[in-house]
Structures are given as C-alpha cells and as structure tokens.
Amino acid sequence: MNGRVMGRVAALAIAAPLALGLATAPAASAAAVTTLYYSSSGAPDYLAQIDQGAANWNAAVTDVKLVKRSTGATIVFHEVHSGGSYTNTNGHGRGQIYLDTSQVAEGYDPTRIAAHELGHNLGLPDHYSGPCTELMSGHGPGTACKNAKPSAAEAAKVQSLWVNGLVAAAGSRAVAY
C-alpha cells in the first residue's frame, strides 16, 4: 500500500472507537485505559452530583475512565420523577441511567445514586444486603447512607473486568437502585 492509503487506514483505526463513544488510550505498560463517555444533560438538576459520582469511580480505578461528553456518549443520564432510579445497561460501558427525583426527595443521596448506577455500567451487580461502605448496596442501608465511593473490593472487581479493555456484551439488563 502506498503512504496515503496507510494514513487513511490508520486514521480510521483511531476515529472508529471515538465515533462510538469509546476509546482506548495507549499506556506505558501493556495495559490500556478504556475511556467511557457519559452525558448528564438529561438530568439537569443533578449535574454536579453525576460528575462527582464519575470522579469517585475515576479515583478508584485505573483501567477505565469516565469522561463527560455532550454528544456521542455511551452512558446517558435521564431525570425521572417516579419509578425509582435504575439503569438499562449491557454492563460493558453502554447504558441509559434514570435518576429518580422522588428518591432524592425521600432523602437518598443523588451522588450515591449516580455512582451506584455507573457501577452497573461498569459491570457490577446490586448487593442490597451489603453495608453502607459498599456502593452497590444501593438503597439497602437506607437514607442515612451517604457513601458515594466504591469499596476497595468493588474497585478491584471493576479493575478485573476492564483490565483488557472493553469486552463486547450480548444484551442489556435493567437494574434498579
């Protein structure tokens, strides 16, 4: 192939993951960081809380990063007013997150809800019987629980799921806060 064709092939190889809202950045070691893009514009009352939930995950894990993006996001937040907070996700970085304002009005912490739902998009299941120190215990510990940071075990599980980058998933599932 000539240089012009090779340049186009290389440009496509770089642009395709970015167009899908996913990117894997090269790292100094063999491991790569997968970047997932989220949009919080559909939940305008909770922009700061969603950003903090993403920042909490970014502080806890190194193999995957959550970055805010207005278009082309694979994780999209929506504000709803009943039915409970939940996510419809494939657990592999793609999903629709519904943050319920009525749960916040009941006293549940919106940053915890956002971080919890992001946890599902990173591949974690609910563990409602867990203590407040476990983010994926969701609403289980009650309204007094304000912890919005993943436990060391939850972070380690996400690390193990994302160590080799994004893995394709067959379907999606809905999980509630």
Protein backbone atom coordinates (compact mmCIF):
# COMPACT_ATOMS: atom_id res chain seq x y z
CA MET A 1 0.00 0.00 0.00
CA ASN A 2 1.14 3.49 -0.59
CA GLY A 3 1.63 6.05 2.19
CA ARG A 4 -1.66 7.86 1.50
CA VAL A 5 -3.73 4.65 1.87
CA MET A 6 -1.84 3.64 5.02
CA GLY A 7 -2.51 7.07 6.53
CA ARG A 8 -6.23 6.73 5.84
CA VAL A 9 -6.33 3.24 7.34
CA ALA A 10 -4.54 4.49 10.46
CA ALA A 11 -6.91 7.46 10.74
CA LEU A 12 -9.94 5.13 10.52
CA ALA A 13 -8.48 2.82 13.15
CA ILE A 14 -8.24 5.77 15.53
CA ALA A 15 -11.51 7.51 14.59
CA ALA A 16 -13.83 4.48 14.72
CA PRO A 17 -13.66 3.91 18.51
CA LEU A 18 -14.00 7.63 19.14
CA ALA A 19 -17.13 7.82 16.98
CA LEU A 20 -18.67 5.03 19.06
CA GLY A 21 -18.02 6.94 22.29
CA LEU A 22 -15.28 4.54 23.34
CA ALA A 23 -11.55 5.00 23.23
CA THR A 24 -8.59 3.03 24.39
CA ALA A 25 -5.52 5.11 25.05
CA PRO A 26 -2.08 3.54 24.86
CA ALA A 27 -0.26 3.35 28.17
CA ALA A 28 3.37 2.93 29.06
CA SER A 29 2.72 -0.63 30.19
CA ALA A 30 0.88 -3.39 28.36
CA ALA A 31 -2.40 -2.38 29.99
CA ALA A 32 -4.56 0.23 28.27
CA VAL A 33 -7.09 2.63 29.71
CA THR A 34 -10.60 2.45 28.28
CA THR A 35 -12.40 5.78 28.21
CA LEU A 36 -16.18 5.76 28.53
CA TYR A 37 -18.13 8.91 27.76
CA TYR A 38 -21.18 9.91 29.75
CA SER A 39 -23.76 12.64 29.27
CA SER A 40 -25.59 14.21 32.19
CA SER A 41 -27.56 16.77 30.17
CA GLY A 42 -30.76 14.73 30.57
CA ALA A 43 -30.60 15.17 34.36
CA PRO A 44 -30.08 18.94 34.69
CA ASP A 45 -30.88 19.08 38.42
CA TYR A 46 -28.03 16.69 39.26
CA LEU A 47 -25.10 17.71 37.04
CA ALA A 48 -22.64 18.23 39.90
CA GLN A 49 -23.68 15.00 41.65
CA ILE A 50 -23.28 12.95 38.46
CA ASP A 51 -19.87 14.47 37.82
CA GLN A 52 -18.84 13.69 41.41
CA GLY A 53 -20.06 10.09 41.06
CA ALA A 54 -17.92 9.70 37.92
CA ALA A 55 -14.96 11.35 39.68
CA ASN A 56 -15.32 8.87 42.56
CA TRP A 57 -15.00 5.96 40.13
CA ASN A 58 -12.08 7.63 38.35
CA ALA A 59 -10.27 7.99 41.67
CA ALA A 60 -10.84 4.31 42.50
CA VAL A 61 -9.92 2.57 39.21
CA THR A 62 -7.22 2.97 36.56
CA ASP A 63 -8.25 0.61 33.73
CA VAL A 64 -11.38 2.57 32.80
CA LYS A 65 -12.12 6.29 32.96
CA LEU A 66 -15.42 8.14 32.79
CA VAL A 67 -15.35 11.40 30.85
CA LYS A 68 -18.20 13.86 30.41
CA ARG A 69 -19.20 14.46 26.82
CA SER A 70 -22.18 16.31 25.34
CA THR A 71 -22.52 14.19 22.19
CA GLY A 72 -21.67 10.60 21.34
CA ALA A 73 -21.80 9.38 24.93
CA THR A 74 -22.42 5.68 25.56
CA ILE A 75 -23.76 6.26 29.07
CA VAL A 76 -26.64 8.71 29.20
CA PHE A 77 -28.37 10.07 32.32
CA HIS A 78 -32.05 10.97 32.41
CA GLU A 79 -34.08 12.61 35.17
CA VAL A 80 -37.40 10.90 36.01
CA HIS A 81 -39.97 11.69 38.68
CA SER A 82 -41.20 8.25 39.76
CA GLY A 83 -40.49 4.56 39.46
CA GLY A 84 -37.13 4.51 41.22
CA SER A 85 -33.64 5.09 39.91
CA TYR A 86 -32.31 2.41 37.60
CA THR A 87 -30.09 1.70 34.65
CA ASN A 88 -30.64 -0.25 31.48
CA THR A 89 -27.14 -1.43 30.58
CA ASN A 90 -25.11 -4.15 28.96
CA GLY A 91 -22.61 -3.82 31.86
CA HIS A 92 -19.87 -3.03 29.37
CA GLY A 93 -19.92 0.74 29.18
CA ARG A 94 -23.23 1.31 27.43
CA GLY A 95 -26.44 2.27 29.18
CA GLN A 96 -29.28 4.60 29.96
CA ILE A 97 -29.39 5.75 33.59
CA TYR A 98 -32.63 7.07 35.10
CA LEU A 99 -32.19 9.17 38.26
CA ASP A 100 -35.49 9.46 40.16
CA THR A 101 -36.11 12.86 41.77
CA SER A 102 -38.67 11.32 44.17
CA GLN A 103 -35.93 9.13 45.70
CA VAL A 104 -33.82 12.23 46.27
CA ALA A 105 -36.85 13.94 47.87
CA GLU A 106 -37.15 10.90 50.21
CA GLY A 107 -33.58 11.54 51.38
CA TYR A 108 -31.46 9.24 49.20
CA ASP A 109 -28.18 10.86 48.22
CA PRO A 110 -28.08 11.77 44.49
CA THR A 111 -24.29 11.40 44.26
CA ARG A 112 -24.56 7.89 45.70
CA ILE A 113 -27.37 7.05 43.27
CA ALA A 114 -25.36 8.32 40.28
CA ALA A 115 -22.19 6.48 41.33
CA HIS A 116 -24.18 3.30 42.06
CA GLU A 117 -25.83 3.34 38.62
CA LEU A 118 -22.47 4.00 36.97
CA GLY A 119 -21.23 0.90 38.81
CA HIS A 120 -23.78 -1.17 36.88
CA ASN A 121 -22.49 0.28 33.61
CA LEU A 122 -19.01 -0.80 34.70
CA GLY A 123 -20.26 -4.36 35.22
CA LEU A 124 -21.21 -4.59 38.90
CA PRO A 125 -24.43 -6.16 40.22
CA ASP A 126 -26.60 -4.96 43.09
CA HIS A 127 -25.79 -6.14 46.62
CA TYR A 128 -28.66 -4.65 48.63
CA SER A 129 -27.80 -6.60 51.79
CA GLY A 130 -24.33 -5.02 51.90
CA PRO A 131 -23.30 -2.25 54.32
CA CYS A 132 -23.21 1.46 53.51
CA THR A 133 -19.48 1.13 52.79
CA GLU A 134 -20.42 -0.87 49.67
CA LEU A 135 -21.65 1.45 46.94
CA MET A 136 -23.54 -1.36 45.23
CA SER A 137 -25.68 -1.89 48.33
CA GLY A 138 -27.77 0.88 46.79
CA HIS A 139 -30.86 1.82 48.80
CA GLY A 140 -30.39 -1.16 51.15
CA PRO A 141 -28.71 0.76 54.00
CA GLY A 142 -31.41 3.48 53.92
CA THR A 143 -31.45 7.24 53.55
CA ALA A 144 -28.79 7.82 56.24
CA CYS A 145 -26.18 6.26 53.95
CA LYS A 146 -24.36 8.99 52.01
CA ASN A 147 -21.31 6.99 50.87
CA ALA A 148 -20.82 7.58 47.13
CA LYS A 149 -17.44 5.89 46.76
CA PRO A 150 -16.83 2.29 45.71
CA SER A 151 -15.28 -0.01 48.27
CA ALA A 152 -11.83 -1.48 47.62
CA ALA A 153 -13.46 -4.79 46.66
CA GLU A 154 -15.83 -3.07 44.21
CA ALA A 155 -12.96 -1.13 42.64
CA ALA A 156 -10.90 -4.33 42.35
CA LYS A 157 -13.78 -6.10 40.61
CA VAL A 158 -14.13 -3.25 38.08
CA GLN A 159 -10.36 -3.32 37.54
CA SER A 160 -10.52 -7.05 36.78
CA LEU A 161 -13.43 -6.58 34.38
CA TRP A 162 -11.72 -3.78 32.43
CA VAL A 163 -8.06 -4.88 32.58
CA ASN A 164 -8.14 -5.86 28.89
CA GLY A 165 -10.41 -3.05 27.76
CA LEU A 166 -13.98 -3.21 26.60
CA VAL A 167 -15.43 -6.66 26.03
CA ALA A 168 -18.47 -6.97 23.79
CA ALA A 169 -21.70 -7.91 25.55
CA ALA A 170 -24.66 -9.74 24.07
CA GLY A 171 -27.60 -7.85 25.55
CA SER A 172 -28.70 -5.39 28.14
CA ARG A 173 -30.32 -5.66 31.53
CA ALA A 174 -32.23 -3.30 33.74
CA VAL A 175 -31.15 -2.90 37.36
CA ALA A 176 -32.64 -0.61 39.99
CA TYR A 177 -31.16 1.48 42.79
